Amino acid sequence: MNKDQAPREVGSPSSDKSGALGFSLKRILVPTDFSDASRQALPYAVEFAKQFGAKLTLVHVFPTTLSAELSRIGIVLEQKRLVQEAGVQLERFRERELPANLSVETLLLHGAPAHEITKLAKDSQTDLIITATHGHTGLKHVWLGSTAERIVHQAPCPVLVVREQPVPVRFPNSALCRFRHILVPTDFSDAAGKALRYAEAFARPCGSEVTILHVIEPPPYPEFGYAHLPLKERKLKKVVQDKLDVLTRELADAGVKSSSAIRTGSAFHEIAEQASGQCADLIIVATRGRGTLAHALLGSTAERVVRHAPCPVLVVRERERQFVTA
């Protein structure tokens, strides 16, 4: 971070008291690798914990690359020393980065980070994972993968992913974790409807505005040639707009200010562009959690949004432990 840049403030307080969002949020899991990127998830974690009286678990996963039975004794001893140092570093990180009066548990785990984090979330009945991502793309992403995306793919609960920003977010002392502009992509599926319910729960007590976005993805090989696409797209847009109008009316009836948008192109790219253009504070996107083979072949729009989005992304799964109350 440039020393001449001040942290930007997000959100503003409302008259609603803690818990007004309609969530039952008792356990928040925050993974850290002690990097600057992982620090940027902490303001969100702290404000959610304060607002809901939730218990915060700060976890570091020490990656295990060699099993003891296949390693020389010197390597095993060195690994034990590094694990001890990681434990000390975790405690110092907690003391330095998080308020002393906040209920925080620290855990040091060993293994593959995404696997250990999602297993812990399941075993501890975690309501929300808040994690950061470096947002790598291209060849570096292919080589290294993304722990955040793997968590999104495997998590048993909603995941809030905060992408590293040049100017870190800071919430005013008097503010709860508020989002002024929320973007919700929809394909009109049940999963997308669930994402919209999360948006309503966030937006209603905060006076936030929700934009519902549908992206029309042109077929790569049109059945009757490219000349028919403009006419077909116009007809499709009319059908889509009618569906969007129904959703915006439902939000209006719930007391939420909303608008709609239709874009054409690659879904993850258009979602990121819409978020950037309207200065969205949060994207709420659903994922169906495809199986391994389909996921490998088709990828996941939600995970691509996580990789490219200019703002935090809350990913909800079609079937998961959820923290929205009835």
Protein backbone atom coordinates (compact mmCIF):
# COMPACT_ATOMS: atom_id res chain seq x y z
CA MET A 1 0.00 0.00 0.00
CA ASN A 2 1.22 3.45 -0.92
CA LYS A 3 1.84 5.49 2.22
CA ASP A 4 0.17 8.48 0.57
CA GLN A 5 -3.05 6.54 0.16
CA ALA A 6 -5.56 6.41 2.98
CA PRO A 7 -7.75 3.34 3.49
CA ARG A 8 -11.12 3.83 1.84
CA GLU A 9 -14.23 3.67 4.02
CA VAL A 10 -17.12 1.43 3.11
CA GLY A 11 -20.69 1.61 4.29
CA SER A 12 -22.49 3.70 6.83
CA PRO A 13 -24.42 2.91 10.00
CA SER A 14 -28.19 2.67 10.07
CA SER A 15 -30.70 2.75 12.88
CA ASP A 16 -30.89 -1.05 12.83
CA LYS A 17 -29.25 -2.84 15.72
CA SER A 18 -27.07 -5.92 15.58
CA GLY A 19 -28.75 -8.89 14.04
CA ALA A 20 -31.20 -6.83 11.98
CA LEU A 21 -30.09 -8.50 8.77
CA GLY A 22 -32.10 -11.56 9.68
CA PHE A 23 -29.12 -13.90 9.97
CA SER A 24 -28.24 -16.45 12.58
CA LEU A 25 -24.48 -16.17 12.45
CA LYS A 26 -22.62 -17.80 15.33
CA ARG A 27 -19.33 -19.07 13.88
CA ILE A 28 -17.07 -17.35 11.36
CA LEU A 29 -13.99 -19.05 9.97
CA VAL A 30 -11.15 -16.87 8.65
CA PRO A 31 -8.15 -18.56 6.99
CA THR A 32 -4.87 -16.65 6.89
CA ASP A 33 -1.44 -17.14 5.38
CA PHE A 34 -0.18 -13.94 7.10
CA SER A 35 0.01 -12.12 3.75
CA ASP A 36 -1.17 -8.57 3.06
CA ALA A 37 -3.98 -10.09 0.99
CA SER A 38 -5.26 -12.17 3.91
CA ARG A 39 -5.26 -9.08 6.14
CA GLN A 40 -7.83 -7.49 3.85
CA ALA A 41 -10.44 -10.06 4.85
CA LEU A 42 -10.15 -9.10 8.52
CA PRO A 43 -12.25 -5.86 8.53
CA TYR A 44 -15.21 -7.85 7.18
CA ALA A 45 -14.65 -10.63 9.71
CA VAL A 46 -14.39 -8.20 12.63
CA GLU A 47 -17.51 -6.24 11.69
CA PHE A 48 -19.62 -9.37 11.13
CA ALA A 49 -18.40 -10.78 14.45
CA LYS A 50 -19.28 -7.54 16.27
CA GLN A 51 -22.66 -7.24 14.62
CA PHE A 52 -23.84 -10.76 15.31
CA GLY A 53 -21.86 -11.61 18.43
CA ALA A 54 -20.27 -14.41 16.44
CA LYS A 55 -17.21 -16.38 17.46
CA LEU A 56 -14.25 -15.87 15.14
CA THR A 57 -11.87 -18.71 14.32
CA LEU A 58 -8.56 -17.63 12.80
CA VAL A 59 -6.91 -20.61 11.14
CA HIS A 60 -3.56 -21.16 9.46
CA VAL A 61 -2.89 -24.36 7.54
CA PHE A 62 0.71 -25.48 7.45
CA PRO A 63 1.09 -27.31 4.12
CA THR A 64 2.41 -30.84 4.51
CA THR A 65 4.42 -31.84 1.46
CA LEU A 66 6.26 -34.93 2.72
CA SER A 67 5.02 -37.76 4.90
CA ALA A 68 7.22 -38.70 7.86
CA GLU A 69 7.75 -42.27 6.67
CA LEU A 70 9.13 -41.06 3.35
CA SER A 71 11.30 -38.28 4.77
CA ARG A 72 14.75 -38.17 6.24
CA ILE A 73 14.91 -37.44 9.97
CA GLY A 74 16.51 -34.04 9.32
CA ILE A 75 13.62 -32.96 7.13
CA VAL A 76 11.08 -34.12 9.72
CA LEU A 77 12.79 -32.16 12.49
CA GLU A 78 13.00 -29.07 10.29
CA GLN A 79 9.32 -29.36 9.50
CA LYS A 80 8.47 -29.59 13.22
CA ARG A 81 10.49 -26.42 13.84
CA LEU A 82 8.65 -24.61 11.04
CA VAL A 83 5.29 -25.74 12.46
CA GLN A 84 6.22 -24.33 15.88
CA GLU A 85 7.24 -21.04 14.28
CA ALA A 86 3.94 -20.92 12.37
CA GLY A 87 2.06 -21.33 15.66
CA VAL A 88 3.94 -18.42 17.22
CA GLN A 89 3.36 -16.33 14.11
CA LEU A 90 -0.38 -17.10 14.23
CA GLU A 91 -0.66 -15.86 17.83
CA ARG A 92 1.27 -12.71 17.02
CA PHE A 93 -0.89 -12.12 13.95
CA ARG A 94 -4.01 -12.38 16.10
CA GLU A 95 -2.66 -9.97 18.71
CA ARG A 96 -1.51 -7.46 16.11
CA GLU A 97 -4.40 -7.54 13.64
CA LEU A 98 -7.56 -8.22 15.68
CA PRO A 99 -9.18 -6.32 18.58
CA ALA A 100 -8.24 -7.65 22.02
CA ASN A 101 -11.88 -7.60 23.18
CA LEU A 102 -13.05 -9.83 20.31
CA SER A 103 -13.74 -13.52 20.93
CA VAL A 104 -11.16 -15.22 18.70
CA GLU A 105 -9.99 -18.83 18.60
CA THR A 106 -6.73 -19.62 16.78
CA LEU A 107 -6.08 -22.97 15.14
CA LEU A 108 -3.00 -24.35 13.41
CA LEU A 109 -3.75 -27.23 11.04
CA HIS A 110 -1.57 -29.38 8.79
CA GLY A 111 -2.34 -30.54 5.27
CA ALA A 112 -3.81 -29.21 2.04
CA PRO A 113 -5.22 -25.75 2.90
CA ALA A 114 -8.57 -25.91 1.06
CA HIS A 115 -9.30 -29.44 2.27
CA GLU A 116 -8.46 -28.68 5.90
CA ILE A 117 -10.40 -25.42 5.92
CA THR A 118 -13.58 -26.91 4.44
CA LYS A 119 -13.33 -29.97 6.70
CA LEU A 120 -13.02 -27.69 9.74
CA ALA A 121 -16.01 -25.65 8.54
CA LYS A 122 -18.10 -28.80 8.31
CA ASP A 123 -16.95 -30.28 11.61
CA SER A 124 -17.44 -27.05 13.56
CA GLN A 125 -20.81 -26.14 11.99
CA THR A 126 -19.36 -22.89 10.63
CA ASP A 127 -21.94 -20.42 9.33
CA LEU A 128 -19.63 -18.35 7.13
CA ILE A 129 -16.10 -18.54 5.77
CA ILE A 130 -14.40 -15.22 5.01
CA THR A 131 -11.27 -15.60 2.93
CA ALA A 132 -9.02 -13.47 0.78
CA THR A 133 -7.67 -14.13 -2.68
CA HIS A 134 -4.71 -12.68 -4.55
CA GLY A 135 -6.80 -12.79 -7.72
CA HIS A 136 -4.14 -14.43 -9.89
CA THR A 137 -5.07 -15.03 -13.51
CA GLY A 138 -3.46 -16.55 -16.57
CA LEU A 139 -0.49 -18.91 -16.41
CA LYS A 140 0.28 -18.20 -12.74
CA HIS A 141 -3.23 -19.26 -11.85
CA VAL A 142 -2.93 -22.44 -13.92
CA TRP A 143 0.32 -23.38 -12.19
CA LEU A 144 -0.61 -22.48 -8.64
CA GLY A 145 -4.38 -22.79 -8.58
CA SER A 146 -6.35 -20.81 -6.02
CA THR A 147 -7.06 -21.88 -2.47
CA ALA A 148 -9.98 -19.45 -2.36
CA GLU A 149 -11.60 -21.04 -5.42
CA ARG A 150 -11.10 -24.52 -4.01
CA ILE A 151 -12.74 -23.41 -0.78
CA VAL A 152 -15.65 -21.99 -2.77
CA HIS A 153 -16.00 -25.30 -4.63
CA GLN A 154 -15.87 -27.49 -1.51
CA ALA A 155 -17.33 -25.38 1.31
CA PRO A 156 -20.42 -26.57 3.23
CA CYS A 157 -21.50 -22.99 3.96
CA PRO A 158 -21.50 -19.55 2.31
CA VAL A 159 -18.08 -18.10 1.48
CA LEU A 160 -17.27 -14.39 1.37
CA VAL A 161 -14.21 -13.88 -0.82
CA VAL A 162 -12.32 -10.59 -0.53
CA ARG A 163 -9.94 -9.81 -3.35
CA GLU A 164 -6.70 -8.00 -2.55
CA GLN A 165 -7.01 -4.26 -3.25
CA PRO A 166 -4.29 -1.60 -3.70
CA VAL A 167 -6.12 0.50 -1.09
CA PRO A 168 -7.38 -1.73 1.76
CA VAL A 169 -10.94 -1.38 3.01
CA ARG A 170 -11.52 0.20 6.41
CA PHE A 171 -14.90 0.47 8.13
CA PRO A 172 -15.62 3.56 10.25
CA ASN A 173 -15.64 2.84 13.99
CA SER A 174 -19.37 3.53 14.16
CA ALA A 175 -20.30 1.43 11.13
CA LEU A 176 -21.45 -2.11 10.84
CA CYS A 177 -20.54 -4.12 7.78
CA ARG A 178 -22.73 -2.43 5.20
CA PHE A 179 -22.91 -2.75 1.43
CA ARG A 180 -24.46 0.12 -0.51
CA HIS A 181 -24.61 -1.46 -3.98
CA ILE A 182 -25.21 -5.21 -4.31
CA LEU A 183 -25.06 -7.05 -7.61
CA VAL A 184 -26.89 -10.37 -7.99
CA PRO A 185 -26.40 -12.33 -11.22
CA THR A 186 -29.32 -14.60 -12.04
CA ASP A 187 -30.17 -17.37 -14.46
CA PHE A 188 -33.62 -17.65 -12.85
CA SER A 189 -32.76 -21.00 -11.27
CA ASP A 190 -33.58 -22.03 -7.70
CA ALA A 191 -29.92 -21.50 -6.80
CA ALA A 192 -30.01 -17.95 -8.15
CA GLY A 193 -33.21 -17.34 -6.22
CA LYS A 194 -31.39 -18.27 -3.04
CA ALA A 195 -28.70 -15.69 -3.82
CA LEU A 196 -31.42 -13.08 -4.24
CA ARG A 197 -32.82 -13.91 -0.79
CA TYR A 198 -29.39 -13.25 0.69
CA ALA A 199 -29.30 -9.90 -1.13
CA GLU A 200 -32.69 -8.96 0.26
CA ALA A 201 -31.57 -9.84 3.78
CA PHE A 202 -28.49 -7.63 3.46
CA ALA A 203 -30.19 -4.76 1.67
CA ARG A 204 -33.51 -4.24 3.46
CA PRO A 205 -32.26 -2.95 6.83
CA CYS A 206 -29.34 -1.07 5.28
CA GLY A 207 -31.10 0.83 2.53
CA SER A 208 -28.86 -0.81 -0.05
CA GLU A 209 -29.67 -0.93 -3.74
CA VAL A 210 -29.74 -4.30 -5.49
CA THR A 211 -29.06 -4.76 -9.18
CA ILE A 212 -30.27 -8.03 -10.68
CA LEU A 213 -28.20 -8.99 -13.72
CA HIS A 214 -28.84 -11.59 -16.40
CA VAL A 215 -26.12 -12.37 -18.93
CA ILE A 216 -27.08 -13.78 -22.31
CA GLU A 217 -24.26 -15.97 -23.57
CA PRO A 218 -24.33 -16.32 -27.40
CA PRO A 219 -23.89 -19.87 -28.66
CA PRO A 220 -20.44 -20.45 -30.18
CA TYR A 221 -21.92 -22.30 -33.17
CA PRO A 222 -25.45 -21.07 -33.94
CA GLU A 223 -27.74 -23.73 -35.41
CA PHE A 224 -28.99 -21.50 -38.23
CA GLY A 225 -25.98 -19.22 -38.68
CA TYR A 226 -24.99 -15.89 -37.21
CA ALA A 227 -27.42 -13.80 -39.28
CA HIS A 228 -30.34 -14.94 -37.09
CA LEU A 229 -28.70 -14.01 -33.79
CA PRO A 230 -29.81 -10.31 -33.53
CA LEU A 231 -33.50 -11.21 -34.00
CA LYS A 232 -33.28 -14.14 -31.61
CA GLU A 233 -31.48 -11.98 -29.03
CA ARG A 234 -34.14 -9.26 -29.18
CA LYS A 235 -36.87 -11.82 -28.51
CA LEU A 236 -34.85 -13.36 -25.71
CA LYS A 237 -34.20 -9.98 -24.10
CA LYS A 238 -37.95 -9.32 -23.98
CA VAL A 239 -38.54 -12.63 -22.18
CA VAL A 240 -35.62 -11.99 -19.82
CA GLN A 241 -36.75 -8.44 -19.03
CA ASP A 242 -40.23 -9.67 -18.13
CA LYS A 243 -38.68 -12.13 -15.65
CA LEU A 244 -36.40 -9.45 -14.22
CA ASP A 245 -39.36 -7.11 -13.77
CA VAL A 246 -41.07 -9.77 -11.64
CA LEU A 247 -37.99 -10.07 -9.42
CA THR A 248 -37.55 -6.32 -9.00
CA ARG A 249 -41.23 -5.97 -8.06
CA GLU A 250 -40.80 -8.68 -5.44
CA LEU A 251 -37.85 -6.78 -3.95
CA ALA A 252 -39.82 -3.54 -4.03
CA ASP A 253 -42.66 -5.23 -2.15
CA ALA A 254 -40.05 -6.27 0.46
CA GLY A 255 -38.90 -2.66 0.81
CA VAL A 256 -35.69 -3.02 -1.22
CA LYS A 257 -34.68 -0.55 -3.91
CA SER A 258 -33.66 -2.46 -7.01
CA SER A 259 -32.93 -2.27 -10.70
CA SER A 260 -32.16 -4.76 -13.45
CA ALA A 261 -29.64 -5.12 -16.25
CA ILE A 262 -29.12 -7.39 -19.24
CA ARG A 263 -25.72 -7.94 -20.81
CA THR A 264 -24.49 -10.16 -23.62
CA GLY A 265 -21.21 -12.04 -23.55
CA SER A 266 -19.23 -14.35 -21.32
CA ALA A 267 -21.03 -14.57 -17.97
CA PHE A 268 -18.10 -14.11 -15.57
CA HIS A 269 -16.64 -11.25 -17.65
CA GLU A 270 -19.93 -9.38 -17.93
CA ILE A 271 -20.63 -9.80 -14.21
CA ALA A 272 -17.23 -8.32 -13.36
CA GLU A 273 -17.75 -5.46 -15.83
CA GLN A 274 -21.20 -4.66 -14.43
CA ALA A 275 -19.82 -4.66 -10.88
CA SER A 276 -17.00 -2.36 -11.87
CA GLY A 277 -19.27 0.01 -13.82
CA GLN A 278 -21.76 0.47 -10.97
CA CYS A 279 -19.08 0.47 -8.22
CA ALA A 280 -20.68 -2.52 -6.51
CA ASP A 281 -19.63 -3.21 -2.92
CA LEU A 282 -20.69 -6.84 -3.05
CA ILE A 283 -21.57 -9.53 -5.58
CA ILE A 284 -23.79 -12.37 -4.39
CA VAL A 285 -23.58 -15.32 -6.73
CA ALA A 286 -24.90 -18.86 -6.51
CA THR A 287 -23.13 -22.03 -7.54
CA ARG A 288 -24.63 -25.44 -8.02
CA GLY A 289 -21.39 -27.17 -7.02
CA ARG A 290 -20.90 -29.42 -10.04
CA GLY A 291 -19.26 -32.80 -9.70
CA THR A 292 -15.55 -33.23 -10.32
CA LEU A 293 -15.67 -34.17 -14.02
CA ALA A 294 -18.19 -31.53 -15.04
CA HIS A 295 -16.33 -28.97 -12.99
CA ALA A 296 -13.02 -29.83 -14.68
CA LEU A 297 -14.56 -29.61 -18.15
CA LEU A 298 -16.85 -26.63 -17.74
CA GLY A 299 -15.34 -24.67 -14.90
CA SER A 300 -17.54 -22.61 -12.58
CA THR A 301 -18.92 -19.17 -13.28
CA ALA A 302 -18.90 -18.45 -9.56
CA GLU A 303 -15.21 -19.28 -9.23
CA ARG A 304 -14.35 -17.20 -12.28
CA VAL A 305 -16.28 -14.30 -10.80
CA VAL A 306 -14.24 -14.72 -7.62
CA ARG A 307 -11.05 -14.54 -9.67
CA HIS A 308 -11.99 -11.40 -11.64
CA ALA A 309 -14.42 -9.43 -9.47
CA PRO A 310 -13.41 -5.90 -8.36
CA CYS A 311 -15.22 -6.27 -5.02
CA PRO A 312 -16.00 -8.96 -2.41
CA VAL A 313 -18.04 -11.93 -3.61
CA LEU A 314 -20.44 -13.90 -1.43
CA VAL A 315 -20.84 -17.39 -2.90
CA VAL A 316 -23.84 -19.44 -1.82
CA ARG A 317 -24.45 -23.02 -2.82
CA GLU A 318 -27.76 -24.51 -3.87
CA ARG A 319 -27.50 -27.00 -0.98
CA GLU A 320 -25.51 -25.90 2.04
CA ARG A 321 -25.60 -24.87 5.65
CA GLN A 322 -26.94 -21.35 5.46
CA PHE A 323 -27.19 -18.47 7.90
CA VAL A 324 -30.32 -16.81 6.52
CA THR A 325 -33.13 -17.41 8.98
CA ALA A 326 -36.67 -18.20 7.94
